[in-house]
PDB file of N, CA and C in Angstrom:
ATOM      1  N   MET A   1     -86.260  -0.231  63.621  1.00  0.00           N
ATOM      2  CA  MET A   1     -86.800  -0.104  62.280  1.00  0.00           C
ATOM      3  C   MET A   1     -88.056  -0.610  62.842  1.00  0.00           C
ATOM      4  N   ARG A   2     -88.738  -0.176  62.473  1.00  0.00           N
ATOM      5  CA  ARG A   2     -90.260   0.148  61.898  1.00  0.00           C
ATOM      6  C   ARG A   2     -91.327  -0.720  61.463  1.00  0.00           C
ATOM      7  N   LYS A   3     -91.302  -1.915  61.454  1.00  0.00           N
ATOM      8  CA  LYS A   3     -92.826  -2.530  59.629  1.00  0.00           C
ATOM      9  C   LYS A   3     -94.079  -2.201  59.681  1.00  0.00           C
ATOM     10  N   GLN A   4     -93.432  -2.198  58.199  1.00  0.00           N
ATOM     11  CA  GLN A   4     -94.457  -1.382  57.197  1.00  0.00           C
ATOM     12  C   GLN A   4     -95.617  -2.706  57.146  1.00  0.00           C
ATOM     13  N   LYS A   5     -96.904  -1.672  57.296  1.00  0.00           N
ATOM     14  CA  LYS A   5     -98.322  -2.623  57.676  1.00  0.00           C
ATOM     15  C   LYS A   5     -98.619  -2.888  56.920  1.00  0.00           C
ATOM     16  N   ARG A   6     -99.169  -4.197  56.894  1.00  0.00           N
ATOM     17  CA  ARG A   6     -99.678  -4.929  55.740  1.00  0.00           C
ATOM     18  C   ARG A   6    -100.806  -3.946  55.035  1.00  0.00           C
ATOM     19  N   ASP A   7    -101.101  -5.114  53.802  1.00  0.00           N
ATOM     20  CA  ASP A   7    -102.676  -4.213  53.023  1.00  0.00           C
ATOM     21  C   ASP A   7    -103.376  -4.446  53.313  1.00  0.00           C
ATOM     22  N   ARG A   8    -104.345  -4.012  53.956  1.00  0.00           N
ATOM     23  CA  ARG A   8    -105.973  -4.386  54.314  1.00  0.00           C
ATOM     24  C   ARG A   8    -105.845  -5.728  53.340  1.00  0.00           C
ATOM     25  N   SER A   9    -105.649  -6.176  52.177  1.00  0.00           N
ATOM     26  CA  SER A   9    -106.777  -6.657  50.882  1.00  0.00           C
ATOM     27  C   SER A   9    -105.971  -8.466  51.037  1.00  0.00           C
ATOM     28  N   THR A  10    -104.003  -8.243  51.400  1.00  0.00           N
ATOM     29  CA  THR A  10    -103.610  -8.894  51.479  1.00  0.00           C
ATOM     30  C   THR A  10    -103.947  -9.521  53.292  1.00  0.00           C
ATOM     31  N   THR A  11    -104.024  -9.090  54.093  1.00  0.00           N
ATOM     32  CA  THR A  11    -105.031  -9.685  54.784  1.00  0.00           C
ATOM     33  C   THR A  11    -105.554 -10.247  55.615  1.00  0.00           C
ATOM     34  N   LEU A  12    -106.542  -9.999  54.860  1.00  0.00           N
ATOM     35  CA  LEU A  12    -107.374 -10.800  54.547  1.00  0.00           C
ATOM     36  C   LEU A  12    -107.792 -11.826  53.537  1.00  0.00           C
ATOM     37  N   PHE A  13    -106.585 -11.761  52.559  1.00  0.00           N
ATOM     38  CA  PHE A  13    -107.309 -12.750  51.664  1.00  0.00           C
ATOM     39  C   PHE A  13    -106.530 -13.718  52.916  1.00  0.00           C
ATOM     40  N   ASN A  14    -104.722 -13.771  53.920  1.00  0.00           N
ATOM     41  CA  ASN A  14    -105.040 -14.846  54.781  1.00  0.00           C
ATOM     42  C   ASN A  14    -105.671 -15.626  55.003  1.00  0.00           C
ATOM     43  N   ARG A  15    -106.404 -14.314  55.926  1.00  0.00           N
ATOM     44  CA  ARG A  15    -107.455 -14.847  56.292  1.00  0.00           C
ATOM     45  C   ARG A  15    -108.555 -15.805  55.803  1.00  0.00           C
ATOM     46  N   GLY A  16    -108.771 -15.440  54.878  1.00  0.00           N
ATOM     47  CA  GLY A  16    -109.865 -15.837  54.077  1.00  0.00           C
ATOM     48  C   GLY A  16    -109.149 -17.491  54.500  1.00  0.00           C
ATOM     49  N   PHE A  17    -107.423 -17.177  53.263  1.00  0.00           N
ATOM     50  CA  PHE A  17    -107.554 -18.886  52.762  1.00  0.00           C
ATOM     51  C   PHE A  17    -106.968 -19.728  54.621  1.00  0.00           C
ATOM     52  N   ASN A  18    -107.295 -18.939  55.636  1.00  0.00           N
ATOM     53  CA  ASN A  18    -106.974 -20.700  56.309  1.00  0.00           C
ATOM     54  C   ASN A  18    -108.561 -20.068  56.977  1.00  0.00           C
ATOM     55  N   ALA A  19    -109.329 -19.733  57.167  1.00  0.00           N
ATOM     56  CA  ALA A  19    -110.928 -20.611  57.135  1.00  0.00           C
ATOM     57  C   ALA A  19    -110.512 -21.157  56.029  1.00  0.00           C
ATOM     58  N   GLY A  20    -110.493 -21.201  54.328  1.00  0.00           N
ATOM     59  CA  GLY A  20    -110.962 -22.469  54.045  1.00  0.00           C
ATOM     60  C   GLY A  20    -110.418 -23.667  54.364  1.00  0.00           C
ATOM     61  N   LEU A  21    -109.282 -23.248  54.355  1.00  0.00           N
ATOM     62  CA  LEU A  21    -107.862 -23.931  54.785  1.00  0.00           C
ATOM     63  C   LEU A  21    -108.537 -25.336  56.267  1.00  0.00           C
ATOM     64  N   THR A  22    -109.258 -24.792  57.164  1.00  0.00           N
ATOM     65  CA  THR A  22    -109.708 -25.852  58.383  1.00  0.00           C
ATOM     66  C   THR A  22    -111.347 -25.510  58.400  1.00  0.00           C
ATOM     67  N   GLY A  23    -111.398 -25.404  56.796  1.00  0.00           N
ATOM     68  CA  GLY A  23    -113.614 -25.902  56.607  1.00  0.00           C
ATOM     69  C   GLY A  23    -114.519 -24.943  57.389  1.00  0.00           C
ATOM     70  N   LYS A  24    -114.125 -24.115  57.314  1.00  0.00           N
ATOM     71  CA  LYS A  24    -115.030 -23.121  57.628  1.00  0.00           C
ATOM     72  C   LYS A  24    -116.084 -22.500  56.904  1.00  0.00           C
ATOM     73  N   SER A  25    -117.247 -22.407  56.711  1.00  0.00           N
ATOM     74  CA  SER A  25    -117.827 -21.989  55.468  1.00  0.00           C
ATOM     75  C   SER A  25    -117.650 -20.773  55.326  1.00  0.00           C
ATOM     76  N   ARG A  26    -118.516 -20.231  54.268  1.00  0.00           N
ATOM     77  CA  ARG A  26    -118.158 -18.701  54.059  1.00  0.00           C
ATOM     78  C   ARG A  26    -119.066 -18.163  54.259  1.00  0.00           C
ATOM     79  N   GLU A  27    -120.298 -18.339  54.990  1.00  0.00           N
ATOM     80  CA  GLU A  27    -121.005 -17.347  56.020  1.00  0.00           C
ATOM     81  C   GLU A  27    -119.730 -16.894  56.862  1.00  0.00           C
ATOM     82  N   GLU A  28    -119.761 -17.531  56.909  1.00  0.00           N
ATOM     83  CA  GLU A  28    -118.026 -16.528  58.731  1.00  0.00           C
ATOM     84  C   GLU A  28    -117.227 -16.232  58.301  1.00  0.00           C
ATOM     85  N   CYS A  29    -117.561 -14.935  57.007  1.00  0.00           N
ATOM     86  CA  CYS A  29    -117.223 -14.306  56.049  1.00  0.00           C
ATOM     87  C   CYS A  29    -117.056 -12.844  57.229  1.00  0.00           C
ATOM     88  N   PRO A  30    -115.816 -12.452  57.608  1.00  0.00           N
ATOM     89  CA  PRO A  30    -116.385 -11.316  58.935  1.00  0.00           C
ATOM     90  C   PRO A  30    -116.010  -9.418  58.551  1.00  0.00           C
ATOM     91  N   VAL A  31    -115.852  -9.831  56.631  1.00  0.00           N
ATOM     92  CA  VAL A  31    -116.318  -8.231  55.382  1.00  0.00           C
ATOM     93  C   VAL A  31    -117.245  -8.121  55.143  1.00  0.00           C
ATOM     94  N   GLN A  32    -118.101  -6.745  55.586  1.00  0.00           N
ATOM     95  CA  GLN A  32    -119.409  -6.450  54.935  1.00  0.00           C
ATOM     96  C   GLN A  32    -119.115  -5.808  53.784  1.00  0.00           C
ATOM     97  N   THR A  33    -117.863  -5.458  53.375  1.00  0.00           N
ATOM     98  CA  THR A  33    -117.944  -4.110  52.300  1.00  0.00           C
ATOM     99  C   THR A  33    -117.231  -5.097  50.611  1.00  0.00           C
ATOM    100  N   THR A  34    -117.225  -5.037  49.460  1.00  0.00           N
ATOM    101  CA  THR A  34    -117.993  -5.503  49.183  1.00  0.00           C
ATOM    102  C   THR A  34    -116.832  -5.440  49.011  1.00  0.00           C
ATOM    103  N   ASP A  35    -115.179  -4.883  48.516  1.00  0.00           N
ATOM    104  CA  ASP A  35    -114.321  -5.038  46.924  1.00  0.00           C
ATOM    105  C   ASP A  35    -112.971  -6.158  48.608  1.00  0.00           C
ATOM    106  N   LEU A  36    -113.521  -5.241  50.586  1.00  0.00           N
ATOM    107  CA  LEU A  36    -112.835  -6.652  51.005  1.00  0.00           C
ATOM    108  C   LEU A  36    -113.892  -8.197  50.906  1.00  0.00           C
ATOM    109  N   ARG A  37    -114.401  -8.132  50.979  1.00  0.00           N
ATOM    110  CA  ARG A  37    -115.752  -9.537  51.323  1.00  0.00           C
ATOM    111  C   ARG A  37    -114.986 -10.519  49.856  1.00  0.00           C
ATOM    112  N   SER A  38    -114.369  -9.616  48.550  1.00  0.00           N
ATOM    113  CA  SER A  38    -114.292 -10.728  48.037  1.00  0.00           C
ATOM    114  C   SER A  38    -112.428 -10.656  47.253  1.00  0.00           C
ATOM    115  N   CYS A  39    -111.946 -10.096  49.220  1.00  0.00           N
ATOM    116  CA  CYS A  39    -110.294 -10.602  48.751  1.00  0.00           C
ATOM    117  C   CYS A  39    -110.183 -11.867  50.472  1.00  0.00           C
ATOM    118  N   TRP A  40    -111.684 -11.584  51.059  1.00  0.00           N
ATOM    119  CA  TRP A  40    -111.788 -12.495  51.713  1.00  0.00           C
ATOM    120  C   TRP A  40    -112.290 -14.105  50.849  1.00  0.00           C
ATOM    121  N   MET A  41    -113.494 -13.852  50.349  1.00  0.00           N
ATOM    122  CA  MET A  41    -113.689 -15.147  49.907  1.00  0.00           C
ATOM    123  C   MET A  41    -112.194 -15.853  48.235  1.00  0.00           C
ATOM    124  N   SER A  42    -112.349 -14.813  48.152  1.00  0.00           N
ATOM    125  CA  SER A  42    -110.295 -15.863  47.283  1.00  0.00           C
ATOM    126  C   SER A  42    -109.210 -16.068  47.546  1.00  0.00           C
ATOM    127  N   GLY A  43    -109.055 -15.449  49.351  1.00  0.00           N
ATOM    128  CA  GLY A  43    -108.415 -16.662  50.277  1.00  0.00           C
ATOM    129  C   GLY A  43    -109.261 -17.714  49.991  1.00  0.00           C
ATOM    130  N   TRP A  44    -110.743 -17.906  50.819  1.00  0.00           N
ATOM    131  CA  TRP A  44    -111.258 -18.179  51.047  1.00  0.00           C
ATOM    132  C   TRP A  44    -111.549 -20.437  49.749  1.00  0.00           C
ATOM    133  N   ARG A  45    -112.009 -19.491  48.719  1.00  0.00           N
ATOM    134  CA  ARG A  45    -112.232 -21.067  47.592  1.00  0.00           C
ATOM    135  C   ARG A  45    -110.396 -21.252  47.828  1.00  0.00           C
ATOM    136  N   GLU A  46    -109.511 -20.537  47.709  1.00  0.00           N
ATOM    137  CA  GLU A  46    -107.658 -21.238  47.285  1.00  0.00           C
ATOM    138  C   GLU A  46    -107.957 -21.980  48.831  1.00  0.00           C
ATOM    139  N   GLY A  47    -108.316 -21.685  49.905  1.00  0.00           N
ATOM    140  CA  GLY A  47    -107.704 -22.361  51.068  1.00  0.00           C
ATOM    141  C   GLY A  47    -109.205 -24.031  50.911  1.00  0.00           C
ATOM    142  N   ARG A  48    -110.188 -23.268  50.341  1.00  0.00           N
ATOM    143  CA  ARG A  48    -110.857 -24.337  50.466  1.00  0.00           C
ATOM    144  C   ARG A  48    -110.348 -25.962  49.483  1.00  0.00           C
ATOM    145  N   GLU A  49    -110.068 -25.340  47.715  1.00  0.00           N
ATOM    146  CA  GLU A  49    -109.199 -26.365  47.856  1.00  0.00           C
ATOM    147  C   GLU A  49    -108.243 -27.026  48.102  1.00  0.00           C
ATOM    148  N   ALA A  50    -107.183 -26.298  48.245  1.00  0.00           N
ATOM    149  CA  ALA A  50    -105.914 -26.706  49.047  1.00  0.00           C
ATOM    150  C   ALA A  50    -105.855 -28.204  50.437  1.00  0.00           C
ATOM    151  N   HIS A  51    -107.784 -27.617  50.624  1.00  0.00           N
ATOM    152  CA  HIS A  51    -108.016 -28.462  51.363  1.00  0.00           C
ATOM    153  C   HIS A  51    -108.863 -30.378  50.890  1.00  0.00           C
ATOM    154  N   TRP A  52    -109.266 -29.965  49.853  1.00  0.00           N
ATOM    155  CA  TRP A  52    -110.193 -30.631  49.380  1.00  0.00           C
ATOM    156  C   TRP A  52    -108.983 -31.508  48.560  1.00  0.00           C
ATOM    157  N   ASN A  53    -107.597 -30.566  48.184  1.00  0.00           N
ATOM    158  CA  ASN A  53    -106.191 -32.194  47.811  1.00  0.00           C
ATOM    159  C   ASN A  53    -105.231 -31.896  49.033  1.00  0.00           C
ATOM    160  N   GLY A  54    -106.585 -31.808  50.177  1.00  0.00           N
ATOM    161  CA  GLY A  54    -105.107 -32.789  51.116  1.00  0.00           C
ATOM    162  C   GLY A  54    -104.400 -32.128  52.191  1.00  0.00           C
ATOM    163  N   MET A  55    -103.698 -30.848  51.119  1.00  0.00           N
ATOM    164  CA  MET A  55    -102.770 -29.492  52.267  1.00  0.00           C
ATOM    165  C   MET A  55    -103.975 -29.846  53.793  1.00  0.00           C
ATOM    166  N   SER A  56    -103.223 -29.374  54.402  1.00  0.00           N
ATOM    167  CA  SER A  56    -103.058 -29.404  55.775  1.00  0.00           C
ATOM    168  C   SER A  56    -101.550 -28.488  56.746  1.00  0.00           C
ATOM    169  N   GLY A  57    -102.515 -27.767  57.065  1.00  0.00           N
ATOM    170  CA  GLY A  57    -101.153 -27.200  58.334  1.00  0.00           C
ATOM    171  C   GLY A  57    -100.190 -26.388  57.854  1.00  0.00           C
ATOM    172  N   VAL A  58     -99.010 -26.465  57.609  1.00  0.00           N
ATOM    173  CA  VAL A  58     -97.962 -25.057  56.806  1.00  0.00           C
ATOM    174  C   VAL A  58     -97.789 -25.988  55.247  1.00  0.00           C
ATOM    175  N   SER A  59     -97.618 -26.549  55.703  1.00  0.00           N
ATOM    176  CA  SER A  59     -97.536 -27.680  53.922  1.00  0.00           C
ATOM    177  C   SER A  59     -98.546 -26.665  53.003  1.00  0.00           C
ATOM    178  N   ALA A  60     -99.654 -26.690  53.712  1.00  0.00           N
ATOM    179  CA  ALA A  60    -100.294 -25.291  52.685  1.00  0.00           C
ATOM    180  C   ALA A  60     -99.507 -24.710  52.848  1.00  0.00           C
ATOM    181  N   ILE A  61     -99.195 -24.140  53.605  1.00  0.00           N
ATOM    182  CA  ILE A  61     -99.410 -22.404  53.190  1.00  0.00           C
ATOM    183  C   ILE A  61     -97.884 -21.874  52.908  1.00  0.00           C
ATOM    184  N   GLN A  62     -96.973 -22.742  52.849  1.00  0.00           N
ATOM    185  CA  GLN A  62     -96.177 -22.803  52.135  1.00  0.00           C
ATOM    186  C   GLN A  62     -95.263 -22.761  50.383  1.00  0.00           C
ATOM    187  N   VAL A  63     -96.723 -24.120  50.399  1.00  0.00           N
ATOM    188  CA  VAL A  63     -97.215 -24.278  48.995  1.00  0.00           C
ATOM    189  C   VAL A  63     -97.986 -22.783  48.626  1.00  0.00           C
ATOM    190  N   ASN A  64     -98.561 -22.206  48.399  1.00  0.00           N
ATOM    191  CA  ASN A  64     -99.192 -21.022  48.213  1.00  0.00           C
ATOM    192  C   ASN A  64     -99.195 -20.107  48.485  1.00  0.00           C
ATOM    193  N   PRO A  65     -98.195 -19.518  46.910  1.00  0.00           N
ATOM    194  CA  PRO A  65     -97.114 -18.204  46.805  1.00  0.00           C
ATOM    195  C   PRO A  65     -97.809 -16.950  46.851  1.00  0.00           C
ATOM    196  N   ALA A  66     -99.013 -16.796  47.165  1.00  0.00           N
ATOM    197  CA  ALA A  66     -99.447 -15.672  47.520  1.00  0.00           C
ATOM    198  C   ALA A  66    -100.149 -15.010  49.220  1.00  0.00           C
ATOM    199  N   LEU A  67     -99.226 -16.026  49.876  1.00  0.00           N
ATOM    200  CA  LEU A  67     -99.367 -16.107  51.189  1.00  0.00           C
ATOM    201  C   LEU A  67     -97.703 -15.322  51.747  1.00  0.00           C
ATOM    202  N   GLY A  68     -96.818 -16.211  50.580  1.00  0.00           N
ATOM    203  CA  GLY A  68     -95.146 -15.277  51.291  1.00  0.00           C
ATOM    204  C   GLY A  68     -95.115 -14.238  50.913  1.00  0.00           C
TER     205      GLY A  68
END
């Protein structure tokens, strides 16, 4: 059975979340397209919030419903 490709926006959200969680700057966003950049930035914001709330690693990913 073939794997279904994930939506590009979901992938970018997840990568942004992980970048925010690890404390990376929002200037490190790899996307220039406005629509896709907003997906990455949304994930980054949620990741930064999780980081500030003391979550890290697997515990933060399991709590975030958007990454499931």
